[in-house]
């Protein structure tokens, strides 16, 4: 049933994370020797397409994380997102 209210656009993506490398091809690790992860190139492409559809501001959140702290936030511009 439609009642005439607009609903925010949304997209659910399943992104693939990969262990990031530096310019020389060496794997990157953080201060605690945990691997630094980043979106795979094909996942970045899908994320950019979703952002074009949804627009800004956009709520971006991870499905799950190993820590108890909530992950994600609100993106008001493209800087730092992708």
PDB file of N, CA and C in Angstrom:
ATOM      1  N   UNK A   1       0.844  -1.166   0.000  1.00  0.00           N
ATOM      2  CA  UNK A   1       0.000   0.000   0.000  1.00  0.00           C
ATOM      3  C   UNK A   1       0.900   1.243   0.000  1.00  0.00           C
ATOM      4  N   UNK A   2       0.594   2.170  -0.851  1.00  0.00           N
ATOM      5  CA  UNK A   2       1.359   3.409  -0.916  1.00  0.00           C
ATOM      6  C   UNK A   2       0.578   4.519  -0.227  1.00  0.00           C
ATOM      7  N   UNK A   3       1.309   5.316   0.565  1.00  0.00           N
ATOM      8  CA  UNK A   3       0.650   6.406   1.277  1.00  0.00           C
ATOM      9  C   UNK A   3       1.246   7.760   0.907  1.00  0.00           C
ATOM     10  N   UNK A   4       2.119   7.780  -0.104  1.00  0.00           N
ATOM     11  CA  UNK A   4       2.631   9.042  -0.593  1.00  0.00           C
ATOM     12  C   UNK A   4       3.865   9.579   0.109  1.00  0.00           C
ATOM     13  N   UNK A   5       4.476   8.802   0.975  1.00  0.00           N
ATOM     14  CA  UNK A   5       5.691   9.245   1.657  1.00  0.00           C
ATOM     15  C   UNK A   5       6.931   8.764   0.905  1.00  0.00           C
ATOM     16  N   UNK A   6       7.921   9.635   0.850  1.00  0.00           N
ATOM     17  CA  UNK A   6       9.171   9.226   0.223  1.00  0.00           C
ATOM     18  C   UNK A   6       9.981   8.391   1.204  1.00  0.00           C
ATOM     19  N   UNK A   7      10.656   7.409   0.670  1.00  0.00           N
ATOM     20  CA  UNK A   7      11.485   6.523   1.472  1.00  0.00           C
ATOM     21  C   UNK A   7      12.937   6.706   1.017  1.00  0.00           C
ATOM     22  N   UNK A   8      13.868   6.804   1.970  1.00  0.00           N
ATOM     23  CA  UNK A   8      15.268   6.951   1.562  1.00  0.00           C
ATOM     24  C   UNK A   8      15.718   5.784   0.690  1.00  0.00           C
ATOM     25  N   UNK A   9      16.560   6.089  -0.282  1.00  0.00           N
ATOM     26  CA  UNK A   9      17.113   5.043  -1.147  1.00  0.00           C
ATOM     27  C   UNK A   9      18.163   4.282  -0.368  1.00  0.00           C
ATOM     28  N   UNK A  10      18.273   3.010  -0.648  1.00  0.00           N
ATOM     29  CA  UNK A  10      19.264   2.194   0.031  1.00  0.00           C
ATOM     30  C   UNK A  10      19.795   1.106  -0.872  1.00  0.00           C
ATOM     31  N   UNK A  11      21.013   0.716  -0.620  1.00  0.00           N
ATOM     32  CA  UNK A  11      21.653  -0.357  -1.355  1.00  0.00           C
ATOM     33  C   UNK A  11      22.430  -1.196  -0.347  1.00  0.00           C
ATOM     34  N   UNK A  12      22.310  -2.489  -0.457  1.00  0.00           N
ATOM     35  CA  UNK A  12      23.096  -3.393   0.373  1.00  0.00           C
ATOM     36  C   UNK A  12      24.145  -4.039  -0.509  1.00  0.00           C
ATOM     37  N   UNK A  13      25.388  -3.909  -0.097  1.00  0.00           N
ATOM     38  CA  UNK A  13      26.491  -4.481  -0.857  1.00  0.00           C
ATOM     39  C   UNK A  13      27.248  -5.478  -0.016  1.00  0.00           C
ATOM     40  N   UNK A  14      27.766  -6.487  -0.655  1.00  0.00           N
ATOM     41  CA  UNK A  14      28.673  -7.408   0.005  1.00  0.00           C
ATOM     42  C   UNK A  14      30.045  -7.146  -0.596  1.00  0.00           C
ATOM     43  N   UNK A  15      30.859  -6.423   0.139  1.00  0.00           N
ATOM     44  CA  UNK A  15      32.183  -6.077  -0.352  1.00  0.00           C
ATOM     45  C   UNK A  15      33.211  -7.105   0.053  1.00  0.00           C
ATOM     46  N   UNK A  16      34.187  -7.289  -0.786  1.00  0.00           N
ATOM     47  CA  UNK A  16      35.277  -8.208  -0.490  1.00  0.00           C
ATOM     48  C   UNK A  16      36.477  -7.402  -0.008  1.00  0.00           C
ATOM     49  N   UNK A  17      36.987  -7.778   1.140  1.00  0.00           N
ATOM     50  CA  UNK A  17      38.172  -7.112   1.680  1.00  0.00           C
ATOM     51  C   UNK A  17      39.426  -7.884   1.272  1.00  0.00           C
ATOM     52  N   UNK A  18      40.467  -7.141   1.040  1.00  0.00           N
ATOM     53  CA  UNK A  18      41.764  -7.743   0.725  1.00  0.00           C
ATOM     54  C   UNK A  18      42.841  -7.078   1.563  1.00  0.00           C
ATOM     55  N   UNK A  19      43.874  -7.840   1.830  1.00  0.00           N
ATOM     56  CA  UNK A  19      45.032  -7.327   2.563  1.00  0.00           C
ATOM     57  C   UNK A  19      45.705  -6.275   1.682  1.00  0.00           C
ATOM     58  N   UNK A  20      45.805  -5.032   2.175  1.00  0.00           N
ATOM     59  CA  UNK A  20      46.357  -3.936   1.378  1.00  0.00           C
ATOM     60  C   UNK A  20      47.874  -4.030   1.280  1.00  0.00           C
ATOM     61  N   UNK A  21      48.389  -3.485   0.183  1.00  0.00           N
ATOM     62  CA  UNK A  21      49.829  -3.468  -0.066  1.00  0.00           C
ATOM     63  C   UNK A  21      50.296  -2.036  -0.288  1.00  0.00           C
ATOM     64  N   UNK A  22      51.575  -1.795  -0.024  1.00  0.00           N
ATOM     65  CA  UNK A  22      52.155  -0.483  -0.303  1.00  0.00           C
ATOM     66  C   UNK A  22      52.584  -0.423  -1.763  1.00  0.00           C
ATOM     67  N   UNK A  23      53.193   0.681  -2.178  1.00  0.00           N
ATOM     68  CA  UNK A  23      53.585   0.875  -3.574  1.00  0.00           C
ATOM     69  C   UNK A  23      54.594  -0.170  -4.045  1.00  0.00           C
ATOM     70  N   UNK A  24      55.386  -0.715  -3.110  1.00  0.00           N
ATOM     71  CA  UNK A  24      56.392  -1.721  -3.470  1.00  0.00           C
ATOM     72  C   UNK A  24      55.820  -3.139  -3.492  1.00  0.00           C
ATOM     73  N   UNK A  25      54.535  -3.281  -3.126  1.00  0.00           N
ATOM     74  CA  UNK A  25      53.913  -4.606  -3.141  1.00  0.00           C
ATOM     75  C   UNK A  25      54.001  -5.359  -1.830  1.00  0.00           C
ATOM     76  N   UNK A  26      54.469  -4.701  -0.766  1.00  0.00           N
ATOM     77  CA  UNK A  26      54.562  -5.338   0.548  1.00  0.00           C
ATOM     78  C   UNK A  26      53.240  -5.193   1.292  1.00  0.00           C
ATOM     79  N   UNK A  27      52.845  -6.243   1.993  1.00  0.00           N
ATOM     80  CA  UNK A  27      51.616  -6.188   2.767  1.00  0.00           C
ATOM     81  C   UNK A  27      51.743  -5.160   3.884  1.00  0.00           C
ATOM     82  N   UNK A  28      50.633  -4.458   4.186  1.00  0.00           N
ATOM     83  CA  UNK A  28      50.614  -3.425   5.216  1.00  0.00           C
ATOM     84  C   UNK A  28      50.046  -3.983   6.522  1.00  0.00           C
ATOM     85  N   UNK A  29      50.634  -3.540   7.647  1.00  0.00           N
ATOM     86  CA  UNK A  29      50.182  -3.931   8.979  1.00  0.00           C
ATOM     87  C   UNK A  29      50.068  -2.686   9.845  1.00  0.00           C
ATOM     88  N   UNK A  30      49.149  -2.731  10.832  1.00  0.00           N
ATOM     89  CA  UNK A  30      48.998  -1.595  11.737  1.00  0.00           C
ATOM     90  C   UNK A  30      49.989  -1.706  12.900  1.00  0.00           C
ATOM     91  N   UNK A  31      49.851  -0.831  13.896  1.00  0.00           N
ATOM     92  CA  UNK A  31      50.768  -0.787  15.035  1.00  0.00           C
ATOM     93  C   UNK A  31      50.773  -2.071  15.860  1.00  0.00           C
ATOM     94  N   UNK A  32      49.686  -2.814  15.808  1.00  0.00           N
ATOM     95  CA  UNK A  32      49.573  -4.048  16.592  1.00  0.00           C
ATOM     96  C   UNK A  32      49.780  -5.290  15.730  1.00  0.00           C
ATOM     97  N   UNK A  33      50.383  -5.085  14.565  1.00  0.00           N
ATOM     98  CA  UNK A  33      50.704  -6.159  13.620  1.00  0.00           C
ATOM     99  C   UNK A  33      49.473  -6.860  13.034  1.00  0.00           C
ATOM    100  N   UNK A  34      48.340  -6.149  13.005  1.00  0.00           N
ATOM    101  CA  UNK A  34      47.142  -6.662  12.341  1.00  0.00           C
ATOM    102  C   UNK A  34      47.190  -6.238  10.882  1.00  0.00           C
ATOM    103  N   UNK A  35      46.728  -7.083   9.970  1.00  0.00           N
ATOM    104  CA  UNK A  35      46.742  -6.693   8.559  1.00  0.00           C
ATOM    105  C   UNK A  35      45.825  -5.507   8.299  1.00  0.00           C
ATOM    106  N   UNK A  36      46.268  -4.591   7.461  1.00  0.00           N
ATOM    107  CA  UNK A  36      45.452  -3.453   7.040  1.00  0.00           C
ATOM    108  C   UNK A  36      44.634  -3.927   5.848  1.00  0.00           C
ATOM    109  N   UNK A  37      43.322  -3.863   5.995  1.00  0.00           N
ATOM    110  CA  UNK A  37      42.429  -4.374   4.961  1.00  0.00           C
ATOM    111  C   UNK A  37      41.805  -3.214   4.192  1.00  0.00           C
ATOM    112  N   UNK A  38      41.428  -3.473   2.951  1.00  0.00           N
ATOM    113  CA  UNK A  38      40.765  -2.481   2.117  1.00  0.00           C
ATOM    114  C   UNK A  38      39.831  -3.168   1.140  1.00  0.00           C
ATOM    115  N   UNK A  39      38.917  -2.409   0.585  1.00  0.00           N
ATOM    116  CA  UNK A  39      37.989  -2.978  -0.392  1.00  0.00           C
ATOM    117  C   UNK A  39      38.728  -3.422  -1.651  1.00  0.00           C
ATOM    118  N   UNK A  40      38.332  -4.560  -2.158  1.00  0.00           N
ATOM    119  CA  UNK A  40      38.858  -5.037  -3.432  1.00  0.00           C
ATOM    120  C   UNK A  40      38.410  -4.066  -4.525  1.00  0.00           C
ATOM    121  N   UNK A  41      39.182  -3.930  -5.607  1.00  0.00           N
ATOM    122  CA  UNK A  41      38.821  -2.977  -6.669  1.00  0.00           C
ATOM    123  C   UNK A  41      37.404  -3.149  -7.207  1.00  0.00           C
ATOM    124  N   UNK A  42      36.950  -4.386  -7.387  1.00  0.00           N
ATOM    125  CA  UNK A  42      35.595  -4.591  -7.909  1.00  0.00           C
ATOM    126  C   UNK A  42      34.546  -4.174  -6.885  1.00  0.00           C
ATOM    127  N   UNK A  43      34.855  -4.313  -5.597  1.00  0.00           N
ATOM    128  CA  UNK A  43      33.937  -3.854  -4.556  1.00  0.00           C
ATOM    129  C   UNK A  43      33.883  -2.335  -4.522  1.00  0.00           C
ATOM    130  N   UNK A  44      35.013  -1.676  -4.753  1.00  0.00           N
ATOM    131  CA  UNK A  44      35.032  -0.213  -4.811  1.00  0.00           C
ATOM    132  C   UNK A  44      34.168   0.286  -5.960  1.00  0.00           C
ATOM    133  N   UNK A  45      34.234  -0.386  -7.103  1.00  0.00           N
ATOM    134  CA  UNK A  45      33.416   0.005  -8.249  1.00  0.00           C
ATOM    135  C   UNK A  45      31.939  -0.086  -7.910  1.00  0.00           C
ATOM    136  N   UNK A  46      31.520  -1.203  -7.289  1.00  0.00           N
ATOM    137  CA  UNK A  46      30.113  -1.365  -6.910  1.00  0.00           C
ATOM    138  C   UNK A  46      29.701  -0.323  -5.871  1.00  0.00           C
ATOM    139  N   UNK A  47      30.602   0.002  -4.949  1.00  0.00           N
ATOM    140  CA  UNK A  47      30.300   1.006  -3.924  1.00  0.00           C
ATOM    141  C   UNK A  47      30.116   2.389  -4.547  1.00  0.00           C
ATOM    142  N   UNK A  48      30.939   2.734  -5.530  1.00  0.00           N
ATOM    143  CA  UNK A  48      30.802   4.026  -6.215  1.00  0.00           C
ATOM    144  C   UNK A  48      29.484   4.103  -6.971  1.00  0.00           C
ATOM    145  N   UNK A  49      29.074   2.999  -7.599  1.00  0.00           N
ATOM    146  CA  UNK A  49      27.796   2.967  -8.306  1.00  0.00           C
ATOM    147  C   UNK A  49      26.631   3.143  -7.318  1.00  0.00           C
ATOM    148  N   UNK A  50      26.733   2.497  -6.159  1.00  0.00           N
ATOM    149  CA  UNK A  50      25.683   2.621  -5.141  1.00  0.00           C
ATOM    150  C   UNK A  50      25.606   4.047  -4.612  1.00  0.00           C
ATOM    151  N   UNK A  51      26.763   4.674  -4.398  1.00  0.00           N
ATOM    152  CA  UNK A  51      26.790   6.053  -3.910  1.00  0.00           C
ATOM    153  C   UNK A  51      26.171   7.003  -4.927  1.00  0.00           C
ATOM    154  N   UNK A  52      26.393   6.738  -6.211  1.00  0.00           N
ATOM    155  CA  UNK A  52      25.780   7.566  -7.255  1.00  0.00           C
ATOM    156  C   UNK A  52      24.257   7.446  -7.216  1.00  0.00           C
ATOM    157  N   UNK A  53      23.743   6.276  -6.883  1.00  0.00           N
ATOM    158  CA  UNK A  53      22.301   6.057  -6.808  1.00  0.00           C
ATOM    159  C   UNK A  53      21.717   6.679  -5.543  1.00  0.00           C
ATOM    160  N   UNK A  54      22.351   6.464  -4.418  1.00  0.00           N
ATOM    161  CA  UNK A  54      21.825   6.902  -3.123  1.00  0.00           C
ATOM    162  C   UNK A  54      22.039   8.386  -2.896  1.00  0.00           C
ATOM    163  N   UNK A  55      23.223   8.879  -3.240  1.00  0.00           N
ATOM    164  CA  UNK A  55      23.552  10.279  -3.018  1.00  0.00           C
ATOM    165  C   UNK A  55      24.086  10.519  -1.610  1.00  0.00           C
ATOM    166  N   UNK A  56      24.413  11.767  -1.347  1.00  0.00           N
ATOM    167  CA  UNK A  56      24.957  12.166  -0.049  1.00  0.00           C
ATOM    168  C   UNK A  56      23.969  13.052   0.678  1.00  0.00           C
ATOM    169  N   UNK A  57      23.917  13.052   1.982  1.00  0.00           N
ATOM    170  CA  UNK A  57      24.699  12.231   2.890  1.00  0.00           C
ATOM    171  C   UNK A  57      24.268  10.769   2.820  1.00  0.00           C
ATOM    172  N   UNK A  58      25.194   9.866   3.138  1.00  0.00           N
ATOM    173  CA  UNK A  58      24.929   8.433   3.096  1.00  0.00           C
ATOM    174  C   UNK A  58      25.375   7.803   4.408  1.00  0.00           C
ATOM    175  N   UNK A  59      24.575   6.887   4.895  1.00  0.00           N
ATOM    176  CA  UNK A  59      24.948   6.118   6.079  1.00  0.00           C
ATOM    177  C   UNK A  59      25.716   4.900   5.593  1.00  0.00           C
ATOM    178  N   UNK A  60      26.909   4.745   6.124  1.00  0.00           N
ATOM    179  CA  UNK A  60      27.757   3.624   5.717  1.00  0.00           C
ATOM    180  C   UNK A  60      28.080   2.831   6.969  1.00  0.00           C
ATOM    181  N   UNK A  61      27.771   1.547   6.935  1.00  0.00           N
ATOM    182  CA  UNK A  61      28.055   0.723   8.105  1.00  0.00           C
ATOM    183  C   UNK A  61      28.504  -0.656   7.680  1.00  0.00           C
ATOM    184  N   UNK A  62      29.339  -1.236   8.512  1.00  0.00           N
ATOM    185  CA  UNK A  62      29.798  -2.596   8.297  1.00  0.00           C
ATOM    186  C   UNK A  62      28.761  -3.564   8.857  1.00  0.00           C
ATOM    187  N   UNK A  63      28.642  -4.680   8.221  1.00  0.00           N
ATOM    188  CA  UNK A  63      27.695  -5.699   8.687  1.00  0.00           C
ATOM    189  C   UNK A  63      28.127  -6.267  10.025  1.00  0.00           C
ATOM    190  N   UNK A  64      29.396  -6.556  10.141  1.00  0.00           N
ATOM    191  CA  UNK A  64      29.906  -7.154  11.368  1.00  0.00           C
ATOM    192  C   UNK A  64      31.359  -6.751  11.554  1.00  0.00           C
ATOM    193  N   UNK A  65      31.782  -6.733  12.781  1.00  0.00           N
ATOM    194  CA  UNK A  65      33.182  -6.468  13.068  1.00  0.00           C
ATOM    195  C   UNK A  65      33.600  -7.310  14.250  1.00  0.00           C
ATOM    196  N   UNK A  66      34.875  -7.439  14.444  1.00  0.00           N
ATOM    197  CA  UNK A  66      35.382  -8.250  15.552  1.00  0.00           C
ATOM    198  C   UNK A  66      35.324  -7.502  16.879  1.00  0.00           C
ATOM    199  N   UNK A  67      35.296  -6.189  16.824  1.00  0.00           N
ATOM    200  CA  UNK A  67      35.264  -5.418  18.068  1.00  0.00           C
ATOM    201  C   UNK A  67      33.823  -5.105  18.461  1.00  0.00           C
ATOM    202  N   UNK A  68      33.651  -4.721  19.706  1.00  0.00           N
ATOM    203  CA  UNK A  68      32.316  -4.366  20.194  1.00  0.00           C
ATOM    204  C   UNK A  68      31.921  -2.957  19.768  1.00  0.00           C
ATOM    205  N   UNK A  69      32.909  -2.160  19.340  1.00  0.00           N
ATOM    206  CA  UNK A  69      32.628  -0.779  18.947  1.00  0.00           C
ATOM    207  C   UNK A  69      31.861  -0.753  17.625  1.00  0.00           C
ATOM    208  N   UNK A  70      30.859   0.121  17.517  1.00  0.00           N
ATOM    209  CA  UNK A  70      30.136   0.225  16.247  1.00  0.00           C
ATOM    210  C   UNK A  70      31.053   0.735  15.145  1.00  0.00           C
ATOM    211  N   UNK A  71      30.866   0.227  13.949  1.00  0.00           N
ATOM    212  CA  UNK A  71      31.688   0.614  12.813  1.00  0.00           C
ATOM    213  C   UNK A  71      30.806   1.336  11.805  1.00  0.00           C
ATOM    214  N   UNK A  72      31.351   2.363  11.187  1.00  0.00           N
ATOM    215  CA  UNK A  72      30.612   3.072  10.165  1.00  0.00           C
ATOM    216  C   UNK A  72      30.353   4.503  10.572  1.00  0.00           C
ATOM    217  N   UNK A  73      29.505   5.162   9.811  1.00  0.00           N
ATOM    218  CA  UNK A  73      29.190   6.546  10.105  1.00  0.00           C
ATOM    219  C   UNK A  73      28.411   7.168   8.970  1.00  0.00           C
ATOM    220  N   UNK A  74      28.360   8.478   8.971  1.00  0.00           N
ATOM    221  CA  UNK A  74      27.647   9.223   7.940  1.00  0.00           C
ATOM    222  C   UNK A  74      28.676   9.944   7.076  1.00  0.00           C
ATOM    223  N   UNK A  75      28.555   9.762   5.777  1.00  0.00           N
ATOM    224  CA  UNK A  75      29.434  10.436   4.831  1.00  0.00           C
ATOM    225  C   UNK A  75      28.701  11.650   4.277  1.00  0.00           C
ATOM    226  N   UNK A  76      29.301  12.819   4.457  1.00  0.00           N
ATOM    227  CA  UNK A  76      28.708  14.049   3.953  1.00  0.00           C
ATOM    228  C   UNK A  76      29.340  14.493   2.635  1.00  0.00           C
ATOM    229  N   UNK A  77      30.522  13.926   2.316  1.00  0.00           N
ATOM    230  CA  UNK A  77      31.168  14.187   1.032  1.00  0.00           C
ATOM    231  C   UNK A  77      31.952  12.935   0.645  1.00  0.00           C
ATOM    232  N   UNK A  78      32.496  12.922  -0.569  1.00  0.00           N
ATOM    233  CA  UNK A  78      33.182  11.727  -1.076  1.00  0.00           C
ATOM    234  C   UNK A  78      34.585  11.565  -0.510  1.00  0.00           C
ATOM    235  N   UNK A  79      35.159  12.598   0.052  1.00  0.00           N
ATOM    236  CA  UNK A  79      36.525  12.523   0.557  1.00  0.00           C
ATOM    237  C   UNK A  79      36.607  11.499   1.696  1.00  0.00           C
ATOM    238  N   UNK A  80      37.508  10.573   1.581  1.00  0.00           N
ATOM    239  CA  UNK A  80      37.714   9.573   2.615  1.00  0.00           C
ATOM    240  C   UNK A  80      36.802   8.369   2.529  1.00  0.00           C
ATOM    241  N   UNK A  81      35.842   8.372   1.610  1.00  0.00           N
ATOM    242  CA  UNK A  81      34.951   7.218   1.497  1.00  0.00           C
ATOM    243  C   UNK A  81      35.591   6.127   0.655  1.00  0.00           C
ATOM    244  N   UNK A  82      35.942   6.495  -0.561  1.00  0.00           N
ATOM    245  CA  UNK A  82      36.463   5.501  -1.509  1.00  0.00           C
ATOM    246  C   UNK A  82      37.784   5.978  -2.072  1.00  0.00           C
TER     247      UNK A  82
END
